[in-house]
Amino acid sequence: MFARLRLRLVCLAPLALVSACATSHGVYDISRDESSYPTSYEQSGVSRNADKHKVIVSGDNFDYGTPHVIRAHRPLQCVVYARQESGIEIYGNANRWWSRAAGHYRRGSTPEVGAVLVLSGPDRRGHVAIVRKIVDSRTIIVDHSNWLGRGEINKDTPVRDVSTANDWSRVNFWWIPGTHWGGRVNTVSGFIYPDEILASR
């Protein structure tokens, strides 16, 4: 009897997961941890000459160009790349960028081209990425580095807002090695805009 009960619970678990992930914008697959995916683009066969592919969001097809990974001349942490590319002069770990921007750079919850997207979780060290394009109210394109953990540069990466309020508080990144949306939902501190606050000078 107990064996049959355990079997029924195992079989029902995936159905409960899919149900919990369903929203008005589709089903988000959070059943896989990105740590189980390839950790380098050499392992996955992805190169800077990767073919174009379509990404499906809310039942529509959008051509995002070519999300791809390139090898940097030297391994780059996300903060170094974001600082170089955005011109936002903030130093320290990514999880400190949001607080250190206060009083020096404009901050907000709306994506803008050239802004830096600041993640606060689930990785406690945080992460930063540069907004390159606004696709629609739920989708942006970013460039960032070290997402795969090898100091590489990830170019033309789609990011989608998966928050229920469409407030960019929770996002999902396109996973380039597997050419699909990543399984992890990331919490967002907000966006840091490249214009400095004059009063801080």
N, C-alpha and C. Protein backbone atom coordinates (compact mmCIF):
# COMPACT_ATOMS: atom_id res chain seq x y z
N MET A 1 0.83 -1.22 0.00
CA MET A 1 0.00 0.00 0.00
C MET A 1 0.86 1.26 0.00
N PHE A 2 1.88 1.28 0.89
CA PHE A 2 2.76 2.44 0.96
C PHE A 2 3.57 2.60 -0.31
N ALA A 3 3.94 1.47 -0.91
CA ALA A 3 4.70 1.53 -2.18
C ALA A 3 3.85 2.16 -3.27
N ARG A 4 2.55 1.78 -3.33
CA ARG A 4 1.67 2.35 -4.34
C ARG A 4 1.46 3.84 -4.11
N LEU A 5 1.39 4.25 -2.83
CA LEU A 5 1.22 5.67 -2.50
C LEU A 5 2.41 6.48 -2.95
N ARG A 6 3.62 5.94 -2.69
CA ARG A 6 4.83 6.64 -3.11
C ARG A 6 4.86 6.80 -4.62
N LEU A 7 4.47 5.74 -5.34
CA LEU A 7 4.47 5.77 -6.81
C LEU A 7 3.51 6.83 -7.31
N ARG A 8 2.33 6.94 -6.71
CA ARG A 8 1.34 7.93 -7.13
C ARG A 8 1.85 9.35 -6.90
N LEU A 9 2.55 9.57 -5.78
CA LEU A 9 3.09 10.91 -5.49
C LEU A 9 4.16 11.30 -6.49
N VAL A 10 5.03 10.34 -6.85
CA VAL A 10 6.08 10.61 -7.84
C VAL A 10 5.47 10.96 -9.18
N CYS A 11 4.42 10.25 -9.58
CA CYS A 11 3.80 10.49 -10.88
C CYS A 11 3.05 11.81 -10.92
N LEU A 12 2.51 12.26 -9.80
CA LEU A 12 1.73 13.48 -9.77
C LEU A 12 2.61 14.72 -9.64
N ALA A 13 3.86 14.57 -9.16
CA ALA A 13 4.72 15.72 -8.92
C ALA A 13 4.95 16.57 -10.15
N PRO A 14 5.29 15.98 -11.33
CA PRO A 14 5.50 16.82 -12.52
C PRO A 14 4.26 17.61 -12.89
N LEU A 15 3.06 17.01 -12.72
CA LEU A 15 1.84 17.73 -13.07
C LEU A 15 1.63 18.92 -12.17
N ALA A 16 1.97 18.78 -10.89
CA ALA A 16 1.84 19.90 -9.96
C ALA A 16 2.81 21.01 -10.31
N LEU A 17 4.01 20.64 -10.78
CA LEU A 17 5.01 21.64 -11.14
C LEU A 17 4.56 22.45 -12.34
N VAL A 18 4.06 21.78 -13.37
CA VAL A 18 3.59 22.49 -14.55
C VAL A 18 2.45 23.43 -14.19
N SER A 19 1.55 22.96 -13.36
CA SER A 19 0.42 23.79 -12.95
C SER A 19 0.87 25.02 -12.21
N ALA A 20 1.90 24.86 -11.34
CA ALA A 20 2.38 25.99 -10.56
C ALA A 20 3.08 27.01 -11.42
N CYS A 21 3.62 26.59 -12.58
CA CYS A 21 4.38 27.50 -13.43
C CYS A 21 3.52 28.19 -14.46
N ALA A 22 2.27 27.83 -14.59
CA ALA A 22 1.42 28.41 -15.62
C ALA A 22 1.00 29.82 -15.26
N THR A 23 1.12 30.73 -16.23
CA THR A 23 0.68 32.11 -16.05
C THR A 23 -0.05 32.53 -17.31
N SER A 24 -0.50 33.78 -17.34
CA SER A 24 -1.19 34.28 -18.52
C SER A 24 -0.24 34.43 -19.70
N HIS A 25 1.06 34.31 -19.44
CA HIS A 25 2.03 34.46 -20.52
C HIS A 25 2.68 33.12 -20.87
N GLY A 26 2.02 32.04 -20.53
CA GLY A 26 2.53 30.74 -20.94
C GLY A 26 3.04 29.95 -19.76
N VAL A 27 3.69 28.83 -20.05
CA VAL A 27 4.23 27.97 -19.01
C VAL A 27 5.74 28.14 -18.98
N TYR A 28 6.26 28.50 -17.82
CA TYR A 28 7.69 28.70 -17.68
C TYR A 28 8.30 27.46 -17.05
N ASP A 29 9.25 26.88 -17.72
CA ASP A 29 9.86 25.64 -17.26
C ASP A 29 10.90 25.96 -16.18
N ILE A 30 10.55 25.71 -14.92
CA ILE A 30 11.53 25.91 -13.85
C ILE A 30 11.88 24.57 -13.22
N SER A 31 11.68 23.50 -13.99
CA SER A 31 11.92 22.16 -13.46
C SER A 31 13.37 21.75 -13.56
N ARG A 32 14.18 22.55 -14.30
CA ARG A 32 15.58 22.21 -14.44
C ARG A 32 16.46 23.33 -13.92
N ASP A 33 17.50 22.94 -13.22
CA ASP A 33 18.46 23.90 -12.68
C ASP A 33 19.52 24.12 -13.75
N GLU A 34 19.91 25.38 -13.99
CA GLU A 34 20.90 25.66 -15.02
C GLU A 34 22.26 25.07 -14.68
N SER A 35 22.49 24.70 -13.41
CA SER A 35 23.77 24.10 -13.06
C SER A 35 23.97 22.75 -13.74
N SER A 36 22.87 22.16 -14.23
CA SER A 36 22.98 20.87 -14.91
C SER A 36 23.28 21.02 -16.39
N TYR A 37 23.27 22.25 -16.90
CA TYR A 37 23.54 22.48 -18.30
C TYR A 37 25.05 22.58 -18.54
N PRO A 38 25.49 22.59 -19.80
CA PRO A 38 26.92 22.74 -20.09
C PRO A 38 27.46 24.02 -19.48
N THR A 39 28.70 23.97 -18.99
CA THR A 39 29.29 25.14 -18.34
C THR A 39 30.20 25.92 -19.27
N SER A 40 30.33 25.50 -20.50
CA SER A 40 31.14 26.25 -21.45
C SER A 40 30.57 26.08 -22.85
N TYR A 41 30.81 27.07 -23.72
CA TYR A 41 30.28 26.97 -25.06
C TYR A 41 31.05 25.97 -25.89
N GLU A 42 32.28 25.61 -25.46
CA GLU A 42 33.00 24.56 -26.17
C GLU A 42 32.26 23.22 -26.00
N GLN A 43 31.73 22.97 -24.78
CA GLN A 43 31.02 21.72 -24.53
C GLN A 43 29.73 21.66 -25.33
N SER A 44 29.07 22.80 -25.50
CA SER A 44 27.77 22.79 -26.13
C SER A 44 27.83 22.94 -27.64
N GLY A 45 29.01 23.28 -28.17
CA GLY A 45 29.14 23.46 -29.61
C GLY A 45 28.68 24.82 -30.08
N VAL A 46 28.39 25.75 -29.15
CA VAL A 46 27.96 27.08 -29.54
C VAL A 46 29.18 27.92 -29.88
N SER A 47 29.12 28.68 -30.95
CA SER A 47 30.23 29.55 -31.34
C SER A 47 29.68 30.92 -31.71
N ARG A 48 30.58 31.86 -31.99
CA ARG A 48 30.15 33.21 -32.35
C ARG A 48 29.46 33.22 -33.71
N ASN A 49 29.58 32.13 -34.46
CA ASN A 49 28.93 32.03 -35.76
C ASN A 49 27.66 31.18 -35.70
N ALA A 50 27.06 31.10 -34.50
CA ALA A 50 25.85 30.28 -34.34
C ALA A 50 24.75 30.78 -35.27
N ASP A 51 23.95 29.84 -35.79
CA ASP A 51 22.87 30.19 -36.71
C ASP A 51 21.78 30.98 -36.00
N LYS A 52 21.06 31.79 -36.77
CA LYS A 52 19.89 32.49 -36.22
C LYS A 52 18.83 31.49 -35.83
N HIS A 53 18.09 31.83 -34.79
CA HIS A 53 16.97 30.99 -34.43
C HIS A 53 15.87 31.86 -33.85
N LYS A 54 14.67 31.33 -33.83
CA LYS A 54 13.52 32.04 -33.31
C LYS A 54 13.30 31.70 -31.85
N VAL A 55 12.82 32.68 -31.10
CA VAL A 55 12.47 32.46 -29.71
C VAL A 55 10.98 32.72 -29.57
N ILE A 56 10.27 31.81 -28.93
CA ILE A 56 8.82 31.96 -28.80
C ILE A 56 8.46 32.60 -27.46
N VAL A 57 7.74 33.69 -27.52
CA VAL A 57 7.27 34.39 -26.33
C VAL A 57 5.79 34.67 -26.49
N SER A 58 4.99 34.26 -25.53
CA SER A 58 3.55 34.51 -25.54
C SER A 58 2.88 34.04 -26.83
N GLY A 59 3.40 32.98 -27.41
CA GLY A 59 2.78 32.39 -28.59
C GLY A 59 3.16 33.04 -29.90
N ASP A 60 4.03 34.05 -29.87
CA ASP A 60 4.45 34.72 -31.10
C ASP A 60 5.92 34.48 -31.35
N ASN A 61 6.33 34.61 -32.60
CA ASN A 61 7.74 34.46 -32.96
C ASN A 61 8.38 35.83 -33.14
N PHE A 62 9.53 36.02 -32.50
CA PHE A 62 10.28 37.25 -32.66
C PHE A 62 11.70 36.88 -33.06
N ASP A 63 12.23 37.56 -34.05
CA ASP A 63 13.59 37.29 -34.49
C ASP A 63 14.52 38.20 -33.69
N TYR A 64 15.26 37.62 -32.76
CA TYR A 64 16.14 38.40 -31.90
C TYR A 64 17.54 38.56 -32.49
N GLY A 65 17.77 38.04 -33.69
CA GLY A 65 19.12 38.09 -34.21
C GLY A 65 19.83 36.79 -33.84
N THR A 66 21.06 36.90 -33.40
CA THR A 66 21.86 35.71 -33.14
C THR A 66 22.43 35.72 -31.73
N PRO A 67 21.73 35.18 -30.74
CA PRO A 67 22.34 35.04 -29.42
C PRO A 67 23.57 34.13 -29.53
N HIS A 68 24.71 34.59 -29.04
CA HIS A 68 25.91 33.78 -29.17
C HIS A 68 26.89 34.11 -28.06
N VAL A 69 27.87 33.24 -27.90
CA VAL A 69 28.89 33.37 -26.87
C VAL A 69 30.24 33.51 -27.54
N ILE A 70 31.04 34.45 -27.08
CA ILE A 70 32.40 34.61 -27.61
C ILE A 70 33.41 34.57 -26.47
N ARG A 71 34.59 34.15 -26.81
CA ARG A 71 35.66 34.07 -25.83
C ARG A 71 36.33 35.44 -25.70
N ALA A 72 36.41 35.93 -24.49
CA ALA A 72 37.07 37.21 -24.26
C ALA A 72 38.58 37.02 -24.34
N HIS A 73 39.31 38.14 -24.53
CA HIS A 73 40.78 38.05 -24.55
C HIS A 73 41.29 37.54 -23.21
N ARG A 74 40.56 37.87 -22.15
CA ARG A 74 40.85 37.35 -20.82
C ARG A 74 39.51 37.15 -20.13
N PRO A 75 39.44 36.24 -19.17
CA PRO A 75 38.16 36.01 -18.48
C PRO A 75 37.63 37.30 -17.86
N LEU A 76 36.35 37.58 -18.07
CA LEU A 76 35.75 38.82 -17.58
C LEU A 76 34.65 38.52 -16.58
N GLN A 77 34.72 39.16 -15.43
CA GLN A 77 33.61 39.13 -14.50
C GLN A 77 32.50 40.03 -15.05
N CYS A 78 31.27 39.79 -14.66
CA CYS A 78 30.15 40.56 -15.20
C CYS A 78 30.26 42.05 -14.88
N VAL A 79 30.81 42.38 -13.71
CA VAL A 79 30.90 43.79 -13.31
C VAL A 79 31.92 44.55 -14.16
N VAL A 80 33.02 43.89 -14.50
CA VAL A 80 34.04 44.54 -15.32
C VAL A 80 33.49 44.84 -16.71
N TYR A 81 32.82 43.86 -17.30
CA TYR A 81 32.26 44.04 -18.63
C TYR A 81 31.17 45.11 -18.62
N ALA A 82 30.30 45.08 -17.63
CA ALA A 82 29.21 46.07 -17.55
C ALA A 82 29.76 47.48 -17.38
N ARG A 83 30.79 47.62 -16.59
CA ARG A 83 31.39 48.95 -16.38
C ARG A 83 32.03 49.46 -17.66
N GLN A 84 32.77 48.59 -18.35
CA GLN A 84 33.44 49.00 -19.60
C GLN A 84 32.43 49.37 -20.68
N GLU A 85 31.36 48.60 -20.81
CA GLU A 85 30.42 48.79 -21.89
C GLU A 85 29.38 49.88 -21.63
N SER A 86 29.04 50.11 -20.37
CA SER A 86 27.99 51.08 -20.04
C SER A 86 28.54 52.44 -19.67
N GLY A 87 29.79 52.48 -19.21
CA GLY A 87 30.35 53.74 -18.72
C GLY A 87 29.91 54.09 -17.31
N ILE A 88 29.18 53.20 -16.67
CA ILE A 88 28.74 53.42 -15.29
C ILE A 88 29.89 53.02 -14.36
N GLU A 89 30.43 54.01 -13.68
CA GLU A 89 31.63 53.80 -12.86
C GLU A 89 31.26 53.35 -11.45
N ILE A 90 30.86 52.10 -11.34
CA ILE A 90 30.60 51.50 -10.03
C ILE A 90 31.53 50.31 -9.88
N TYR A 91 32.09 50.17 -8.69
CA TYR A 91 33.04 49.09 -8.42
C TYR A 91 32.50 48.19 -7.31
N GLY A 92 33.04 46.99 -7.24
CA GLY A 92 32.59 46.03 -6.24
C GLY A 92 31.74 44.95 -6.86
N ASN A 93 31.36 43.99 -6.05
CA ASN A 93 30.55 42.87 -6.53
C ASN A 93 29.21 43.34 -7.06
N ALA A 94 28.62 42.52 -7.94
CA ALA A 94 27.34 42.89 -8.56
C ALA A 94 26.25 43.11 -7.53
N ASN A 95 26.30 42.39 -6.41
CA ASN A 95 25.24 42.53 -5.40
C ASN A 95 25.33 43.86 -4.64
N ARG A 96 26.37 44.67 -4.93
CA ARG A 96 26.50 45.98 -4.29
C ARG A 96 26.22 47.13 -5.25
N TRP A 97 26.04 46.82 -6.53
CA TRP A 97 25.85 47.88 -7.51
C TRP A 97 24.59 48.71 -7.25
N TRP A 98 23.51 48.07 -6.90
CA TRP A 98 22.25 48.79 -6.73
C TRP A 98 22.37 49.83 -5.61
N SER A 99 22.90 49.44 -4.48
CA SER A 99 23.01 50.38 -3.36
C SER A 99 24.07 51.44 -3.63
N ARG A 100 25.14 51.09 -4.30
CA ARG A 100 26.20 52.07 -4.57
C ARG A 100 25.82 53.07 -5.66
N ALA A 101 24.82 52.73 -6.46
CA ALA A 101 24.36 53.67 -7.49
C ALA A 101 23.52 54.79 -6.89
N ALA A 102 22.96 54.57 -5.70
CA ALA A 102 22.07 55.56 -5.07
C ALA A 102 22.78 56.88 -4.87
N GLY A 103 22.16 57.96 -5.34
CA GLY A 103 22.74 59.29 -5.21
C GLY A 103 23.77 59.64 -6.26
N HIS A 104 24.14 58.68 -7.09
CA HIS A 104 25.14 58.91 -8.14
C HIS A 104 24.58 58.70 -9.54
N TYR A 105 23.74 57.68 -9.68
CA TYR A 105 23.13 57.38 -10.97
C TYR A 105 21.63 57.20 -10.79
N ARG A 106 20.89 57.58 -11.81
CA ARG A 106 19.44 57.39 -11.78
C ARG A 106 19.11 55.90 -11.77
N ARG A 107 18.13 55.51 -10.97
CA ARG A 107 17.70 54.11 -10.87
C ARG A 107 16.20 54.00 -11.12
N GLY A 108 15.77 52.83 -11.56
CA GLY A 108 14.35 52.64 -11.79
C GLY A 108 14.01 51.20 -12.08
N SER A 109 12.75 50.96 -12.40
CA SER A 109 12.28 49.60 -12.66
C SER A 109 11.90 49.37 -14.12
N THR A 110 12.19 50.35 -14.97
CA THR A 110 11.83 50.25 -16.39
C THR A 110 13.09 50.09 -17.24
N PRO A 111 13.16 49.09 -18.11
CA PRO A 111 14.35 48.93 -18.94
C PRO A 111 14.50 50.04 -19.96
N GLU A 112 15.73 50.49 -20.16
CA GLU A 112 16.08 51.47 -21.19
C GLU A 112 17.36 51.01 -21.85
N VAL A 113 17.51 51.32 -23.13
CA VAL A 113 18.73 50.97 -23.85
C VAL A 113 19.92 51.68 -23.18
N GLY A 114 20.97 50.92 -22.88
CA GLY A 114 22.15 51.47 -22.24
C GLY A 114 22.14 51.32 -20.73
N ALA A 115 21.00 50.95 -20.16
CA ALA A 115 20.92 50.77 -18.71
C ALA A 115 21.54 49.43 -18.32
N VAL A 116 21.87 49.32 -17.04
CA VAL A 116 22.40 48.07 -16.50
C VAL A 116 21.33 47.39 -15.67
N LEU A 117 20.99 46.16 -16.06
CA LEU A 117 20.05 45.34 -15.31
C LEU A 117 20.80 44.71 -14.14
N VAL A 118 20.27 44.89 -12.93
CA VAL A 118 20.93 44.38 -11.72
C VAL A 118 20.09 43.27 -11.10
N LEU A 119 20.67 42.07 -11.03
CA LEU A 119 19.99 40.95 -10.40
C LEU A 119 20.41 40.83 -8.94
N SER A 120 19.45 40.48 -8.11
CA SER A 120 19.75 40.30 -6.69
C SER A 120 19.68 38.83 -6.26
N GLY A 121 19.17 37.97 -7.11
CA GLY A 121 19.08 36.56 -6.75
C GLY A 121 18.69 35.72 -7.95
N PRO A 122 18.69 34.40 -7.83
CA PRO A 122 18.91 33.67 -6.58
C PRO A 122 20.36 33.58 -6.13
N ASP A 123 21.32 33.86 -7.02
CA ASP A 123 22.73 33.85 -6.63
C ASP A 123 22.99 35.06 -5.74
N ARG A 124 23.48 34.84 -4.54
CA ARG A 124 23.68 35.94 -3.59
C ARG A 124 24.74 36.93 -4.05
N ARG A 125 25.58 36.53 -5.01
CA ARG A 125 26.60 37.45 -5.52
C ARG A 125 26.03 38.44 -6.52
N GLY A 126 24.82 38.17 -7.00
CA GLY A 126 24.19 39.06 -7.96
C GLY A 126 24.76 38.90 -9.36
N HIS A 127 24.25 39.73 -10.27
CA HIS A 127 24.73 39.71 -11.65
C HIS A 127 24.27 41.01 -12.31
N VAL A 128 25.04 41.47 -13.29
CA VAL A 128 24.68 42.69 -14.03
C VAL A 128 24.79 42.43 -15.52
N ALA A 129 23.91 43.08 -16.29
CA ALA A 129 23.88 42.93 -17.76
C ALA A 129 23.47 44.26 -18.37
N ILE A 130 23.90 44.51 -19.60
CA ILE A 130 23.63 45.78 -20.28
C ILE A 130 22.46 45.61 -21.25
N VAL A 131 21.49 46.50 -21.16
CA VAL A 131 20.33 46.45 -22.06
C VAL A 131 20.73 47.02 -23.41
N ARG A 132 20.55 46.23 -24.46
CA ARG A 132 20.90 46.65 -25.82
C ARG A 132 19.69 47.00 -26.67
N LYS A 133 18.55 46.36 -26.36
CA LYS A 133 17.37 46.58 -27.20
C LYS A 133 16.11 46.28 -26.40
N ILE A 134 15.06 47.06 -26.64
CA ILE A 134 13.74 46.79 -26.08
C ILE A 134 12.91 46.14 -27.18
N VAL A 135 12.48 44.90 -26.97
CA VAL A 135 11.68 44.19 -27.96
C VAL A 135 10.19 44.50 -27.78
N ASP A 136 9.72 44.34 -26.55
CA ASP A 136 8.34 44.66 -26.20
C ASP A 136 8.27 44.85 -24.69
N SER A 137 7.09 44.99 -24.14
CA SER A 137 6.95 45.28 -22.72
C SER A 137 7.42 44.14 -21.83
N ARG A 138 7.62 42.97 -22.41
CA ARG A 138 8.04 41.81 -21.64
C ARG A 138 9.41 41.27 -22.02
N THR A 139 10.04 41.85 -23.03
CA THR A 139 11.27 41.25 -23.55
C THR A 139 12.31 42.30 -23.89
N ILE A 140 13.55 42.05 -23.48
CA ILE A 140 14.68 42.92 -23.83
C ILE A 140 15.83 42.04 -24.32
N ILE A 141 16.82 42.68 -24.93
CA ILE A 141 18.04 42.00 -25.35
C ILE A 141 19.19 42.59 -24.54
N VAL A 142 20.05 41.73 -23.98
CA VAL A 142 21.17 42.20 -23.19
C VAL A 142 22.48 41.58 -23.66
N ASP A 143 23.57 42.24 -23.31
CA ASP A 143 24.91 41.66 -23.39
C ASP A 143 25.41 41.54 -21.95
N HIS A 144 26.12 40.47 -21.66
CA HIS A 144 26.68 40.31 -20.31
C HIS A 144 27.79 39.28 -20.37
N SER A 145 28.52 39.14 -19.28
CA SER A 145 29.65 38.21 -19.27
C SER A 145 29.60 37.31 -18.05
N ASN A 146 30.30 36.19 -18.18
CA ASN A 146 30.49 35.21 -17.12
C ASN A 146 29.19 34.52 -16.69
N TRP A 147 28.17 34.51 -17.53
CA TRP A 147 26.92 33.83 -17.19
C TRP A 147 27.13 32.32 -17.14
N LEU A 148 28.06 31.82 -17.95
CA LEU A 148 28.34 30.38 -17.97
C LEU A 148 29.47 30.01 -17.02
N GLY A 149 30.05 31.01 -16.35
CA GLY A 149 31.06 30.74 -15.33
C GLY A 149 32.47 30.60 -15.83
N ARG A 150 32.73 30.96 -17.11
CA ARG A 150 34.08 30.84 -17.67
C ARG A 150 34.64 32.18 -18.12
N GLY A 151 34.03 33.27 -17.71
CA GLY A 151 34.54 34.58 -18.09
C GLY A 151 34.25 34.96 -19.53
N GLU A 152 33.29 34.25 -20.17
CA GLU A 152 32.95 34.49 -21.56
C GLU A 152 32.00 35.68 -21.70
N ILE A 153 31.77 36.13 -22.93
CA ILE A 153 30.83 37.22 -23.20
C ILE A 153 29.61 36.64 -23.91
N ASN A 154 28.44 36.92 -23.37
CA ASN A 154 27.18 36.46 -23.96
C ASN A 154 26.54 37.64 -24.69
N LYS A 155 26.40 37.54 -25.99
CA LYS A 155 25.90 38.65 -26.81
C LYS A 155 24.46 38.39 -27.29
N ASP A 156 23.69 39.49 -27.40
CA ASP A 156 22.34 39.44 -27.97
C ASP A 156 21.45 38.42 -27.24
N THR A 157 21.50 38.44 -25.93
CA THR A 157 20.77 37.47 -25.12
C THR A 157 19.36 37.97 -24.77
N PRO A 158 18.31 37.27 -25.15
CA PRO A 158 16.96 37.67 -24.76
C PRO A 158 16.73 37.48 -23.26
N VAL A 159 16.03 38.41 -22.66
CA VAL A 159 15.61 38.32 -21.25
C VAL A 159 14.13 38.66 -21.22
N ARG A 160 13.34 37.87 -20.50
CA ARG A 160 11.91 38.15 -20.44
C ARG A 160 11.46 38.39 -19.00
N ASP A 161 10.53 39.30 -18.88
CA ASP A 161 9.91 39.60 -17.60
C ASP A 161 8.85 38.54 -17.31
N VAL A 162 9.02 37.79 -16.22
CA VAL A 162 8.06 36.75 -15.88
C VAL A 162 7.29 37.10 -14.60
N SER A 163 7.35 38.37 -14.19
CA SER A 163 6.59 38.80 -13.02
C SER A 163 5.11 38.89 -13.37
N THR A 164 4.25 38.64 -12.41
CA THR A 164 2.83 38.69 -12.68
C THR A 164 2.34 40.12 -12.91
N ALA A 165 3.04 41.10 -12.33
CA ALA A 165 2.62 42.50 -12.46
C ALA A 165 3.30 43.21 -13.62
N ASN A 166 4.13 42.49 -14.38
CA ASN A 166 4.88 43.11 -15.48
C ASN A 166 5.69 44.30 -14.99
N ASP A 167 6.36 44.11 -13.82
CA ASP A 167 7.15 45.19 -13.22
C ASP A 167 8.65 44.90 -13.25
N TRP A 168 9.08 43.88 -13.99
CA TRP A 168 10.47 43.51 -14.14
C TRP A 168 11.15 43.17 -12.81
N SER A 169 10.39 42.60 -11.90
CA SER A 169 10.96 42.18 -10.62
C SER A 169 11.50 40.75 -10.67
N ARG A 170 11.07 39.99 -11.69
CA ARG A 170 11.52 38.61 -11.87
C ARG A 170 11.73 38.36 -13.37
N VAL A 171 12.90 37.84 -13.71
CA VAL A 171 13.23 37.65 -15.13
C VAL A 171 13.81 36.27 -15.38
N ASN A 172 13.78 35.92 -16.66
CA ASN A 172 14.26 34.65 -17.16
C ASN A 172 15.20 34.93 -18.33
N PHE A 173 16.37 34.31 -18.36
CA PHE A 173 17.36 34.52 -19.42
C PHE A 173 17.31 33.39 -20.44
N TRP A 174 17.56 33.76 -21.71
CA TRP A 174 17.73 32.75 -22.76
C TRP A 174 19.04 32.01 -22.50
N TRP A 175 18.96 30.68 -22.51
CA TRP A 175 20.15 29.84 -22.26
C TRP A 175 20.76 29.46 -23.60
N ILE A 176 21.85 30.14 -23.96
CA ILE A 176 22.43 30.00 -25.30
C ILE A 176 22.93 28.59 -25.60
N PRO A 177 23.64 27.92 -24.68
CA PRO A 177 24.12 26.57 -25.03
C PRO A 177 23.02 25.60 -25.41
N GLY A 178 21.86 25.71 -24.78
CA GLY A 178 20.77 24.78 -25.06
C GLY A 178 19.74 25.33 -26.02
N THR A 179 19.92 26.59 -26.45
CA THR A 179 18.98 27.30 -27.33
C THR A 179 17.54 27.19 -26.83
N HIS A 180 17.33 27.53 -25.57
CA HIS A 180 16.00 27.56 -24.98
C HIS A 180 16.02 28.49 -23.78
N TRP A 181 14.85 28.83 -23.27
CA TRP A 181 14.80 29.65 -22.07
C TRP A 181 15.38 28.88 -20.89
N GLY A 182 16.19 29.55 -20.09
CA GLY A 182 16.78 28.93 -18.92
C GLY A 182 15.72 28.57 -17.89
N GLY A 183 16.03 27.62 -17.03
CA GLY A 183 15.06 27.16 -16.06
C GLY A 183 14.97 28.01 -14.81
N ARG A 184 15.94 28.90 -14.60
CA ARG A 184 16.00 29.66 -13.35
C ARG A 184 15.27 30.99 -13.47
N VAL A 185 14.50 31.33 -12.43
CA VAL A 185 13.87 32.64 -12.35
C VAL A 185 14.73 33.52 -11.44
N ASN A 186 15.13 34.69 -11.94
CA ASN A 186 16.03 35.58 -11.23
C ASN A 186 15.29 36.79 -10.69
N THR A 187 15.59 37.18 -9.46
CA THR A 187 14.99 38.38 -8.89
C THR A 187 15.82 39.60 -9.27
N VAL A 188 15.14 40.71 -9.46
CA VAL A 188 15.78 41.93 -9.99
C VAL A 188 15.71 43.05 -8.97
N SER A 189 16.84 43.75 -8.78
CA SER A 189 16.85 44.96 -7.96
C SER A 189 16.30 46.13 -8.75
N GLY A 190 16.67 46.20 -10.04
CA GLY A 190 16.19 47.27 -10.90
C GLY A 190 17.19 47.57 -12.00
N PHE A 191 17.04 48.75 -12.60
CA PHE A 191 17.91 49.19 -13.69
C PHE A 191 18.66 50.45 -13.27
N ILE A 192 19.96 50.46 -13.55
CA ILE A 192 20.78 51.65 -13.32
C ILE A 192 21.01 52.31 -14.66
N TYR A 193 20.66 53.60 -14.77
CA TYR A 193 20.77 54.32 -16.04
C TYR A 193 22.10 55.07 -16.09
N PRO A 194 22.68 55.21 -17.28
CA PRO A 194 24.04 55.76 -17.38
C PRO A 194 24.17 57.24 -17.09
N ASP A 195 23.05 57.98 -16.97
CA ASP A 195 23.18 59.41 -16.68
C ASP A 195 23.40 59.62 -15.18
N GLU A 196 24.46 60.37 -14.88
CA GLU A 196 24.80 60.64 -13.49
C GLU A 196 23.87 61.71 -12.89
N ILE A 197 23.73 61.66 -11.60
CA ILE A 197 22.98 62.68 -10.88
C ILE A 197 23.95 63.82 -10.57
N LEU A 198 23.67 65.01 -11.13
CA LEU A 198 24.61 66.13 -11.03
C LEU A 198 24.90 66.52 -9.59
N ALA A 199 23.94 66.36 -8.72
CA ALA A 199 24.13 66.78 -7.33
C ALA A 199 25.19 65.96 -6.62
N SER A 200 25.52 64.78 -7.20
CA SER A 200 26.50 63.91 -6.54
C SER A 200 27.93 64.34 -6.80
N ARG A 201 28.13 65.29 -7.73
CA ARG A 201 29.50 65.71 -8.08
C ARG A 201 30.01 66.75 -7.11
